[in-house]
N, C-alpha and C. Protein backbone atom coordinates (compact mmCIF):
# COMPACT_ATOMS: atom_id res chain seq x y z
N MET A 1 17.78 24.74 24.10
CA MET A 1 17.77 23.82 25.09
C MET A 1 17.43 22.57 24.67
N VAL A 2 18.29 21.49 25.02
CA VAL A 2 18.10 19.93 24.70
C VAL A 2 17.61 19.43 26.09
N ILE A 3 16.57 18.60 25.78
CA ILE A 3 15.86 17.97 26.59
C ILE A 3 16.28 16.59 26.74
N VAL A 4 16.75 15.77 27.66
CA VAL A 4 17.27 14.73 27.64
C VAL A 4 16.50 13.94 28.52
N GLU A 5 15.94 12.76 27.80
CA GLU A 5 15.16 11.63 28.77
C GLU A 5 15.56 11.09 29.91
N GLY A 6 15.01 11.22 30.81
CA GLY A 6 15.35 10.43 32.13
C GLY A 6 16.13 11.60 32.70
N ALA A 7 16.14 12.96 32.59
CA ALA A 7 17.30 13.96 33.06
C ALA A 7 16.33 14.45 34.15
N ARG A 8 16.84 14.98 35.34
CA ARG A 8 16.38 15.75 36.15
C ARG A 8 15.91 17.03 36.13
N PRO A 9 14.83 17.33 36.43
CA PRO A 9 14.69 18.96 36.10
C PRO A 9 15.49 19.77 36.89
N SER A 10 15.29 20.97 36.13
CA SER A 10 16.23 21.98 36.57
C SER A 10 15.99 22.63 37.85
N ARG A 11 16.99 23.26 38.66
CA ARG A 11 16.84 23.76 39.93
C ARG A 11 16.24 25.09 39.91
N GLY A 12 15.85 25.59 38.62
CA GLY A 12 15.29 26.83 38.68
C GLY A 12 13.60 26.88 38.81
N ASN A 13 13.40 25.73 39.01
CA ASN A 13 11.91 25.52 39.27
C ASN A 13 11.61 25.62 40.80
N VAL A 14 12.61 25.39 41.81
CA VAL A 14 12.54 25.18 42.99
C VAL A 14 11.90 26.45 43.69
N HIS A 15 11.75 27.72 43.09
CA HIS A 15 11.29 29.02 43.70
C HIS A 15 9.69 28.71 43.81
N GLY A 16 9.30 28.16 42.66
CA GLY A 16 7.80 27.82 42.22
C GLY A 16 7.43 26.68 43.15
N MET A 17 8.23 25.98 43.35
CA MET A 17 7.66 24.97 44.45
C MET A 17 7.21 25.60 45.84
N LEU A 18 8.11 26.30 46.17
CA LEU A 18 7.88 27.01 47.41
C LEU A 18 6.47 27.70 47.62
N THR A 19 6.51 28.73 46.58
CA THR A 19 5.44 29.37 46.49
C THR A 19 4.15 28.61 46.07
N LYS A 20 4.14 27.63 45.38
CA LYS A 20 3.05 26.69 45.24
C LYS A 20 2.73 25.81 46.66
N TRP A 21 3.56 25.27 47.25
CA TRP A 21 3.43 24.65 48.62
C TRP A 21 2.97 25.74 49.75
N LEU A 22 3.20 26.87 49.77
CA LEU A 22 2.63 27.76 50.56
C LEU A 22 1.20 28.27 50.17
N HIS A 23 0.97 28.44 49.00
CA HIS A 23 -0.28 28.84 48.55
C HIS A 23 -1.29 27.79 48.60
N GLU A 24 -0.93 26.29 48.37
CA GLU A 24 -2.09 25.58 48.54
C GLU A 24 -2.15 25.16 49.93
N ARG A 25 -1.41 25.69 51.05
CA ARG A 25 -1.70 25.66 52.40
C ARG A 25 -2.50 27.04 52.76
N GLY A 26 -2.90 27.93 52.06
CA GLY A 26 -3.60 28.86 52.30
C GLY A 26 -3.13 30.32 52.66
N ILE A 27 -1.66 30.33 52.32
CA ILE A 27 -1.13 31.46 52.87
C ILE A 27 -0.83 32.63 51.45
N ARG A 28 -1.17 33.79 51.97
CA ARG A 28 -1.15 34.66 50.71
C ARG A 28 -0.31 35.62 50.91
N GLY A 29 0.14 36.08 49.71
CA GLY A 29 1.18 37.30 49.95
C GLY A 29 1.12 38.40 51.20
N TRP A 30 -0.15 38.94 51.40
CA TRP A 30 -0.34 39.87 52.16
C TRP A 30 -0.05 39.24 53.64
N HIS A 31 -0.33 38.02 53.81
CA HIS A 31 -0.25 37.49 55.08
C HIS A 31 1.44 37.67 55.58
N LEU A 32 2.14 37.54 54.56
CA LEU A 32 3.90 37.49 54.66
C LEU A 32 3.99 38.93 54.95
N HIS A 33 3.42 39.91 54.24
CA HIS A 33 3.52 41.32 54.23
C HIS A 33 3.20 41.67 55.63
N VAL A 34 2.43 41.43 56.15
CA VAL A 34 2.04 41.48 57.51
C VAL A 34 3.09 40.93 58.51
N ALA A 35 3.45 39.89 58.24
CA ALA A 35 4.47 39.45 59.29
C ALA A 35 5.75 39.86 59.36
N SER A 36 6.04 40.55 57.96
CA SER A 36 7.20 41.33 57.88
C SER A 36 7.24 42.54 58.48
N MET A 37 6.00 43.02 58.57
CA MET A 37 5.84 44.66 59.25
C MET A 37 5.81 44.24 60.95
N ALA A 38 5.40 43.14 61.01
CA ALA A 38 5.41 42.59 62.80
C ALA A 38 6.82 42.47 63.30
N SER A 39 7.38 41.79 62.29
CA SER A 39 8.97 41.35 62.74
C SER A 39 9.72 42.88 62.80
N ILE A 40 9.25 43.84 61.88
CA ILE A 40 10.12 45.00 62.01
C ILE A 40 9.61 45.73 63.50
N SER A 41 8.53 45.62 63.90
CA SER A 41 8.07 45.97 65.25
C SER A 41 8.68 45.30 66.40
N LEU A 42 8.75 43.84 66.05
CA LEU A 42 9.51 43.27 66.98
C LEU A 42 10.98 43.51 67.30
N CYS A 43 11.57 43.73 66.14
CA CYS A 43 13.11 44.30 66.12
C CYS A 43 13.17 45.55 67.13
N ILE A 44 12.31 46.56 66.53
CA ILE A 44 12.23 48.08 67.40
C ILE A 44 12.17 47.61 68.70
N SER A 45 11.22 46.80 69.30
CA SER A 45 11.02 46.76 70.62
C SER A 45 11.99 45.88 71.12
N LEU A 46 12.53 44.97 70.43
CA LEU A 46 13.85 44.51 71.33
C LEU A 46 15.05 45.23 71.35
N TRP A 47 15.29 46.31 70.44
CA TRP A 47 16.15 47.20 70.40
C TRP A 47 15.91 48.19 71.42
N ILE A 48 14.82 48.60 71.67
CA ILE A 48 14.56 49.44 72.78
C ILE A 48 14.92 48.87 74.15
N ARG A 49 14.13 47.50 74.31
CA ARG A 49 14.46 46.85 75.24
C ARG A 49 15.93 46.66 75.72
N ALA A 50 16.58 46.48 74.69
CA ALA A 50 18.07 46.44 75.06
C ALA A 50 18.63 47.29 75.51
N LYS A 51 18.02 48.78 75.32
CA LYS A 51 18.57 49.82 76.20
C LYS A 51 18.68 49.93 77.51
N THR A 52 17.29 49.11 78.21
CA THR A 52 16.67 49.35 79.82
C THR A 52 17.60 48.07 80.34
N VAL A 53 18.08 47.04 79.69
CA VAL A 53 18.73 46.15 80.58
C VAL A 53 20.29 46.42 80.96
N ASP A 54 20.90 45.81 81.95
CA ASP A 54 22.06 46.03 82.37
C ASP A 54 23.45 45.96 81.51
N GLN A 55 24.48 46.48 81.75
CA GLN A 55 25.52 46.42 80.58
C GLN A 55 26.05 44.85 80.56
N ASP A 56 25.79 43.81 81.31
CA ASP A 56 26.64 42.57 81.18
C ASP A 56 25.40 41.93 80.10
N GLU A 57 24.30 42.26 80.04
CA GLU A 57 23.18 41.61 79.62
C GLU A 57 22.75 42.35 77.82
N ARG A 58 23.28 43.59 77.81
CA ARG A 58 23.08 44.60 76.57
C ARG A 58 23.64 43.90 75.25
N GLY A 59 24.68 43.46 75.15
CA GLY A 59 25.35 42.96 74.11
C GLY A 59 24.55 41.93 73.48
N ASN A 60 24.27 41.01 74.44
CA ASN A 60 23.44 39.92 73.77
C ASN A 60 21.78 40.38 73.25
N ALA A 61 21.30 41.15 74.17
CA ALA A 61 19.86 41.84 73.70
C ALA A 61 20.02 42.66 72.43
N GLU A 62 21.24 43.33 72.12
CA GLU A 62 21.21 44.00 70.91
C GLU A 62 21.85 42.97 69.73
N ARG A 63 22.26 41.84 70.26
CA ARG A 63 22.29 40.98 68.98
C ARG A 63 21.06 40.30 68.56
N ARG A 64 20.23 40.01 69.67
CA ARG A 64 18.77 39.30 69.21
C ARG A 64 18.10 40.26 68.55
N ALA A 65 18.04 41.69 68.75
CA ALA A 65 17.21 42.47 68.06
C ALA A 65 17.96 42.87 66.75
N LEU A 66 19.40 42.76 66.46
CA LEU A 66 19.72 42.59 64.92
C LEU A 66 19.36 41.23 64.18
N PHE A 67 19.50 40.17 64.92
CA PHE A 67 19.01 39.03 64.26
C PHE A 67 17.45 38.87 63.73
N VAL A 68 16.61 39.60 64.72
CA VAL A 68 15.19 39.55 64.26
C VAL A 68 15.02 40.45 63.02
N GLY A 69 16.04 41.59 63.09
CA GLY A 69 15.82 42.69 61.97
C GLY A 69 16.24 42.01 60.90
N LEU A 70 16.92 41.07 60.68
CA LEU A 70 17.49 40.50 59.31
C LEU A 70 16.25 39.88 58.62
N TRP A 71 14.91 39.43 59.34
CA TRP A 71 13.98 38.92 58.77
C TRP A 71 12.98 39.56 57.97
N PRO A 72 12.71 40.65 58.04
CA PRO A 72 11.56 41.41 57.37
C PRO A 72 11.89 41.24 55.79
N PRO A 73 13.28 41.69 55.32
CA PRO A 73 13.31 41.60 53.63
C PRO A 73 12.93 39.94 53.22
N THR A 74 13.28 39.13 53.96
CA THR A 74 13.26 37.77 53.16
C THR A 74 11.82 37.47 53.43
N ILE A 75 11.11 37.73 54.77
CA ILE A 75 9.39 37.32 54.57
C ILE A 75 8.85 38.25 53.54
N TRP A 76 9.30 39.65 53.34
CA TRP A 76 8.53 40.46 52.27
C TRP A 76 8.76 39.79 50.81
N LEU A 77 10.06 39.41 50.60
CA LEU A 77 10.04 38.81 49.09
C LEU A 77 9.38 37.48 48.94
N ILE A 78 9.49 36.81 49.90
CA ILE A 78 8.42 35.79 49.80
C ILE A 78 7.00 36.07 49.61
N GLY A 79 6.67 37.01 50.10
CA GLY A 79 5.18 37.43 49.92
C GLY A 79 5.09 37.93 48.61
N ASP A 80 6.04 38.59 48.02
CA ASP A 80 5.89 39.10 46.61
C ASP A 80 5.78 38.09 45.87
N SER A 81 6.75 37.05 46.02
CA SER A 81 6.51 35.89 45.16
C SER A 81 5.23 35.06 45.12
N LEU A 82 4.75 35.28 46.54
CA LEU A 82 3.52 34.70 46.47
C LEU A 82 2.44 35.43 45.85
N GLU A 83 2.36 36.90 45.70
CA GLU A 83 1.62 37.50 44.84
C GLU A 83 1.51 37.37 43.58
N LYS A 84 2.86 37.17 43.08
CA LYS A 84 3.12 36.87 41.62
C LYS A 84 2.63 35.51 41.26
N HIS A 85 2.22 34.52 42.15
CA HIS A 85 2.08 33.33 42.01
C HIS A 85 0.51 33.14 41.94
N ASP A 86 -0.24 34.14 42.36
CA ASP A 86 -1.78 34.18 42.13
C ASP A 86 -1.89 34.43 40.95
């Protein structure tokens, strides 16, 4: 690898910048793992609630539950990155 003077740093270090920023603010990996599990619980409760609303609102309620269901893997992986940062 050739390092050119005045060149911009590679974008490969952006990942480290996020975990460093979160770590400096006191957030640890287990915090995000708990948040991930909580979002799974939220998704399940929204899904159950979607079954109790009337037919006109059911589609929107199910979409909301599915949207929240997309959060846990992302939050969990950020937590794993923070654990590796320690």
